[in-house]
Every structure is written in structure tokens, then in C-alpha cells.
């Protein structure tokens, strides 16, 4: 369990970094001059997509860290051979 907790904590840190990166990109897209409006739109759109996804993953990981039953359920979802086979077949 400790190894799983360590991995989840690292994922939380990565999600926080992605959120901070998204905020910085939004600020840059608003403040930068000398780039076209289309480029600003791409930058802000990427950032606006990055922030909510990172927030959802951060919340999901924090809840898993705080709730051992949820952590066990996520571990089963990720390591269950039947689920892995279904995912592989669905991608083909």
C-alpha cells in the first residue's frame, strides 16, 4: 500500500504542476503581444482544457489517498486481468 500511496502522491504533484502551467499559459496568452489572435486562442484553449482535467485527476487521487476502500477499488480496476483484457480488445 505504501508504494501505491507514494505513486498517488507523485501523481498529485504532477497534477498541481499541470494546473500551475495552465494558469501561466492563460496569463501569457492574455499578456503576450506580437503573436496572432489565432495563436493566443490555441494557447488559451490548451490551458483551459489542461486545468479542469488536472483538477479532476487531483481530486480523484486525493480522495483515493484519504479513503482506503476507494484506493483498494482503484487498485483492482487497474490490475484486474479481465479489465485489462477488455481494454485491450476495445482498442483494437
N, C-alpha and C. Protein backbone atom coordinates (compact mmCIF):
# COMPACT_ATOMS: atom_id res chain seq x y z
N UNK A 1 0.81 -1.20 0.00
CA UNK A 1 0.00 0.00 0.00
C UNK A 1 0.85 1.26 0.00
N UNK A 2 1.98 1.20 0.69
CA UNK A 2 2.83 2.39 0.77
C UNK A 2 3.33 2.81 -0.61
N UNK A 3 3.68 1.81 -1.43
CA UNK A 3 4.16 2.13 -2.78
C UNK A 3 3.06 2.79 -3.60
N UNK A 4 1.83 2.31 -3.45
CA UNK A 4 0.69 2.89 -4.16
C UNK A 4 0.45 4.32 -3.68
N UNK A 5 0.57 4.54 -2.36
CA UNK A 5 0.39 5.89 -1.83
C UNK A 5 1.46 6.83 -2.37
N UNK A 6 2.68 6.35 -2.48
CA UNK A 6 3.76 7.18 -3.00
C UNK A 6 3.49 7.55 -4.46
N UNK A 7 3.02 6.58 -5.24
CA UNK A 7 2.71 6.86 -6.65
C UNK A 7 1.56 7.88 -6.75
N UNK A 8 0.56 7.74 -5.90
CA UNK A 8 -0.56 8.69 -5.93
C UNK A 8 -0.12 10.09 -5.53
N UNK A 9 0.79 10.18 -4.56
CA UNK A 9 1.30 11.49 -4.16
C UNK A 9 2.08 12.14 -5.29
N UNK A 10 2.84 11.34 -6.02
CA UNK A 10 3.58 11.87 -7.18
C UNK A 10 2.60 12.33 -8.25
N UNK A 11 1.52 11.57 -8.46
CA UNK A 11 0.50 11.98 -9.44
C UNK A 11 -0.18 13.28 -9.00
N UNK A 12 -0.37 13.46 -7.70
CA UNK A 12 -0.95 14.71 -7.20
C UNK A 12 -0.02 15.89 -7.48
N UNK A 13 1.27 15.67 -7.28
CA UNK A 13 2.24 16.74 -7.56
C UNK A 13 2.25 17.08 -9.04
N UNK A 14 2.20 16.07 -9.89
CA UNK A 14 2.17 16.30 -11.34
C UNK A 14 0.91 17.06 -11.74
N UNK A 15 -0.22 16.70 -11.15
CA UNK A 15 -1.47 17.40 -11.45
C UNK A 15 -1.38 18.87 -11.02
N UNK A 16 -0.78 19.13 -9.86
CA UNK A 16 -0.60 20.52 -9.41
C UNK A 16 0.29 21.30 -10.38
N UNK A 17 1.35 20.66 -10.85
CA UNK A 17 2.23 21.32 -11.82
C UNK A 17 1.47 21.63 -13.11
N UNK A 18 0.62 20.71 -13.55
CA UNK A 18 -0.18 20.95 -14.76
C UNK A 18 -1.16 22.10 -14.55
N UNK A 19 -1.75 22.20 -13.37
CA UNK A 19 -2.67 23.30 -13.09
C UNK A 19 -1.92 24.63 -13.12
N UNK A 20 -0.76 24.67 -12.49
CA UNK A 20 0.05 25.90 -12.47
C UNK A 20 0.47 26.26 -13.89
N UNK A 21 0.87 25.26 -14.68
CA UNK A 21 1.25 25.50 -16.07
C UNK A 21 0.08 26.07 -16.86
N UNK A 22 -1.11 25.53 -16.64
CA UNK A 22 -2.30 26.03 -17.33
C UNK A 22 -2.59 27.48 -17.00
N UNK A 23 -2.46 27.83 -15.72
CA UNK A 23 -2.70 29.22 -15.31
C UNK A 23 -1.66 30.14 -15.95
N UNK A 24 -0.41 29.71 -15.96
CA UNK A 24 0.65 30.52 -16.58
C UNK A 24 0.38 30.71 -18.07
N UNK A 25 -0.07 29.64 -18.74
CA UNK A 25 -0.36 29.75 -20.17
C UNK A 25 -1.52 30.71 -20.44
N UNK A 26 -2.53 30.68 -19.59
CA UNK A 26 -3.65 31.62 -19.77
C UNK A 26 -3.17 33.06 -19.60
N UNK A 27 -2.36 33.29 -18.58
CA UNK A 27 -1.84 34.64 -18.35
C UNK A 27 -0.97 35.08 -19.53
N UNK A 28 -0.13 34.18 -20.03
CA UNK A 28 0.71 34.51 -21.18
C UNK A 28 -0.11 34.80 -22.42
N UNK A 29 -1.17 34.03 -22.62
CA UNK A 29 -1.99 34.26 -23.82
C UNK A 29 -2.69 35.62 -23.76
N UNK A 30 -2.94 36.10 -22.57
CA UNK A 30 -3.57 37.42 -22.43
C UNK A 30 -2.56 38.56 -22.51
N UNK A 31 -1.35 38.33 -22.05
CA UNK A 31 -0.36 39.40 -21.95
C UNK A 31 0.59 39.49 -23.13
N UNK A 32 0.81 38.38 -23.84
CA UNK A 32 1.79 38.40 -24.92
C UNK A 32 1.31 39.25 -26.08
N UNK A 33 2.21 40.07 -26.55
CA UNK A 33 1.95 40.85 -27.76
C UNK A 33 2.91 40.35 -28.82
N UNK A 34 2.54 40.49 -30.05
CA UNK A 34 3.41 40.05 -31.13
C UNK A 34 3.06 38.66 -31.65
N UNK A 35 2.06 38.03 -31.07
CA UNK A 35 1.59 36.77 -31.64
C UNK A 35 0.16 36.99 -32.12
N UNK A 36 -0.24 36.20 -33.08
CA UNK A 36 -1.55 36.41 -33.68
C UNK A 36 -2.67 36.00 -32.72
N UNK A 37 -3.86 36.44 -33.06
CA UNK A 37 -5.04 36.11 -32.25
C UNK A 37 -5.30 34.61 -32.27
N UNK A 38 -5.02 33.98 -33.41
CA UNK A 38 -5.21 32.54 -33.53
C UNK A 38 -4.27 31.79 -32.59
N UNK A 39 -3.03 32.22 -32.51
CA UNK A 39 -2.08 31.59 -31.60
C UNK A 39 -2.49 31.78 -30.14
N UNK A 40 -2.99 32.96 -29.82
CA UNK A 40 -3.47 33.21 -28.46
C UNK A 40 -4.64 32.29 -28.13
N UNK A 41 -5.52 32.07 -29.12
CA UNK A 41 -6.67 31.20 -28.92
C UNK A 41 -6.23 29.76 -28.68
N UNK A 42 -5.24 29.29 -29.45
CA UNK A 42 -4.73 27.94 -29.26
C UNK A 42 -4.12 27.77 -27.87
N UNK A 43 -3.32 28.74 -27.47
CA UNK A 43 -2.66 28.66 -26.16
C UNK A 43 -3.69 28.65 -25.03
N UNK A 44 -4.64 29.58 -25.09
CA UNK A 44 -5.62 29.65 -24.01
C UNK A 44 -6.55 28.43 -24.04
N UNK A 45 -6.88 27.92 -25.22
CA UNK A 45 -7.72 26.73 -25.31
C UNK A 45 -7.04 25.51 -24.73
N UNK A 46 -5.75 25.37 -25.00
CA UNK A 46 -4.99 24.25 -24.43
C UNK A 46 -4.96 24.37 -22.91
N UNK A 47 -4.72 25.56 -22.42
CA UNK A 47 -4.66 25.78 -20.98
C UNK A 47 -6.01 25.55 -20.32
N UNK A 48 -7.07 26.01 -20.98
CA UNK A 48 -8.42 25.84 -20.42
C UNK A 48 -8.85 24.37 -20.42
N UNK A 49 -8.24 23.56 -21.24
CA UNK A 49 -8.50 22.12 -21.20
C UNK A 49 -7.62 21.42 -20.17
N UNK A 50 -6.41 21.91 -20.03
CA UNK A 50 -5.45 21.30 -19.10
C UNK A 50 -5.87 21.47 -17.64
N UNK A 51 -6.37 22.63 -17.31
CA UNK A 51 -6.71 22.92 -15.91
C UNK A 51 -7.83 22.02 -15.38
N UNK A 52 -8.99 21.90 -16.06
CA UNK A 52 -10.06 21.06 -15.49
C UNK A 52 -9.68 19.57 -15.43
N UNK A 53 -8.98 19.09 -16.44
CA UNK A 53 -8.57 17.68 -16.43
C UNK A 53 -7.64 17.42 -15.25
N UNK A 54 -6.70 18.32 -15.04
CA UNK A 54 -5.77 18.17 -13.92
C UNK A 54 -6.49 18.27 -12.58
N UNK A 55 -7.47 19.16 -12.49
CA UNK A 55 -8.24 19.28 -11.25
C UNK A 55 -9.01 17.99 -10.94
N UNK A 56 -9.62 17.41 -11.97
CA UNK A 56 -10.37 16.17 -11.76
C UNK A 56 -9.43 15.05 -11.30
N UNK A 57 -8.28 14.93 -11.95
CA UNK A 57 -7.32 13.90 -11.55
C UNK A 57 -6.78 14.15 -10.15
N UNK A 58 -6.55 15.41 -9.82
CA UNK A 58 -6.06 15.74 -8.48
C UNK A 58 -7.08 15.36 -7.42
N UNK A 59 -8.34 15.71 -7.65
CA UNK A 59 -9.39 15.37 -6.69
C UNK A 59 -9.55 13.86 -6.57
N UNK A 60 -9.51 13.17 -7.69
CA UNK A 60 -9.64 11.71 -7.69
C UNK A 60 -8.51 11.07 -6.88
N UNK A 61 -7.29 11.55 -7.07
CA UNK A 61 -6.15 10.98 -6.35
C UNK A 61 -6.18 11.33 -4.87
N UNK A 62 -6.59 12.54 -4.53
CA UNK A 62 -6.67 12.92 -3.13
C UNK A 62 -7.73 12.09 -2.40
N UNK A 63 -8.88 11.90 -3.05
CA UNK A 63 -9.92 11.07 -2.45
C UNK A 63 -9.44 9.63 -2.25
N UNK A 64 -8.68 9.12 -3.20
CA UNK A 64 -8.15 7.76 -3.07
C UNK A 64 -7.15 7.66 -1.93
N UNK A 65 -6.36 8.70 -1.74
CA UNK A 65 -5.40 8.69 -0.64
C UNK A 65 -6.09 8.71 0.72
N UNK A 66 -7.20 9.39 0.81
CA UNK A 66 -7.89 9.55 2.08
C UNK A 66 -8.83 8.38 2.41
N UNK A 67 -9.24 7.62 1.40
CA UNK A 67 -10.21 6.56 1.61
C UNK A 67 -9.60 5.22 1.18
N UNK A 68 -9.33 4.34 2.14
CA UNK A 68 -8.65 3.08 1.82
C UNK A 68 -9.53 2.16 0.96
N UNK A 69 -10.85 2.21 1.14
CA UNK A 69 -11.74 1.38 0.32
C UNK A 69 -11.69 1.82 -1.14
N UNK A 70 -11.69 3.12 -1.36
CA UNK A 70 -11.60 3.65 -2.72
C UNK A 70 -10.25 3.32 -3.34
N UNK A 71 -9.21 3.39 -2.53
CA UNK A 71 -7.87 3.04 -3.01
C UNK A 71 -7.81 1.58 -3.43
N UNK A 72 -8.38 0.70 -2.64
CA UNK A 72 -8.42 -0.72 -2.97
C UNK A 72 -9.22 -0.95 -4.25
N UNK A 73 -10.32 -0.25 -4.40
CA UNK A 73 -11.16 -0.39 -5.60
C UNK A 73 -10.40 0.06 -6.84
N UNK A 74 -9.69 1.19 -6.74
CA UNK A 74 -8.90 1.66 -7.90
C UNK A 74 -7.78 0.70 -8.24
N UNK A 75 -7.16 0.10 -7.21
CA UNK A 75 -6.09 -0.86 -7.46
C UNK A 75 -6.63 -2.06 -8.21
N UNK A 76 -7.80 -2.54 -7.83
CA UNK A 76 -8.42 -3.68 -8.51
C UNK A 76 -8.75 -3.31 -9.95
N UNK A 77 -9.27 -2.12 -10.17
CA UNK A 77 -9.60 -1.68 -11.53
C UNK A 77 -8.37 -1.66 -12.42
N UNK A 78 -7.24 -1.26 -11.86
CA UNK A 78 -6.03 -1.12 -12.66
C UNK A 78 -5.30 -2.44 -12.87
N UNK A 79 -5.46 -3.39 -11.95
CA UNK A 79 -4.67 -4.62 -12.03
C UNK A 79 -5.49 -5.85 -12.39
N UNK A 80 -6.79 -5.75 -12.45
CA UNK A 80 -7.63 -6.90 -12.75
C UNK A 80 -7.39 -7.35 -14.20
N UNK A 81 -7.06 -8.61 -14.36
CA UNK A 81 -6.72 -9.13 -15.68
C UNK A 81 -7.90 -9.06 -16.65
N UNK A 82 -9.10 -9.27 -16.15
CA UNK A 82 -10.28 -9.22 -17.02
C UNK A 82 -10.47 -7.81 -17.56
N UNK A 83 -10.33 -6.80 -16.69
CA UNK A 83 -10.47 -5.41 -17.13
C UNK A 83 -9.39 -5.04 -18.14
N UNK A 84 -8.19 -5.52 -17.92
CA UNK A 84 -7.09 -5.23 -18.84
C UNK A 84 -7.37 -5.84 -20.21
N UNK A 85 -7.86 -7.08 -20.23
CA UNK A 85 -8.20 -7.73 -21.50
C UNK A 85 -9.31 -6.98 -22.23
N UNK A 86 -10.31 -6.54 -21.51
CA UNK A 86 -11.41 -5.79 -22.12
C UNK A 86 -10.90 -4.49 -22.73
N UNK A 87 -10.00 -3.82 -22.02
CA UNK A 87 -9.45 -2.57 -22.54
C UNK A 87 -8.62 -2.82 -23.78
N UNK A 88 -7.83 -3.88 -23.77
CA UNK A 88 -7.01 -4.18 -24.94
C UNK A 88 -7.88 -4.52 -26.14
N UNK A 89 -8.90 -5.32 -25.95
CA UNK A 89 -9.81 -5.70 -27.05
C UNK A 89 -10.57 -4.49 -27.59
N UNK A 90 -10.95 -3.56 -26.70
CA UNK A 90 -11.71 -2.40 -27.15
C UNK A 90 -10.87 -1.44 -27.96
N UNK A 91 -9.56 -1.46 -27.78
CA UNK A 91 -8.68 -0.56 -28.53
C UNK A 91 -8.34 -1.10 -29.92
N UNK A 92 -8.63 -2.36 -30.16
CA UNK A 92 -8.26 -2.95 -31.45
C UNK A 92 -9.29 -2.71 -32.50
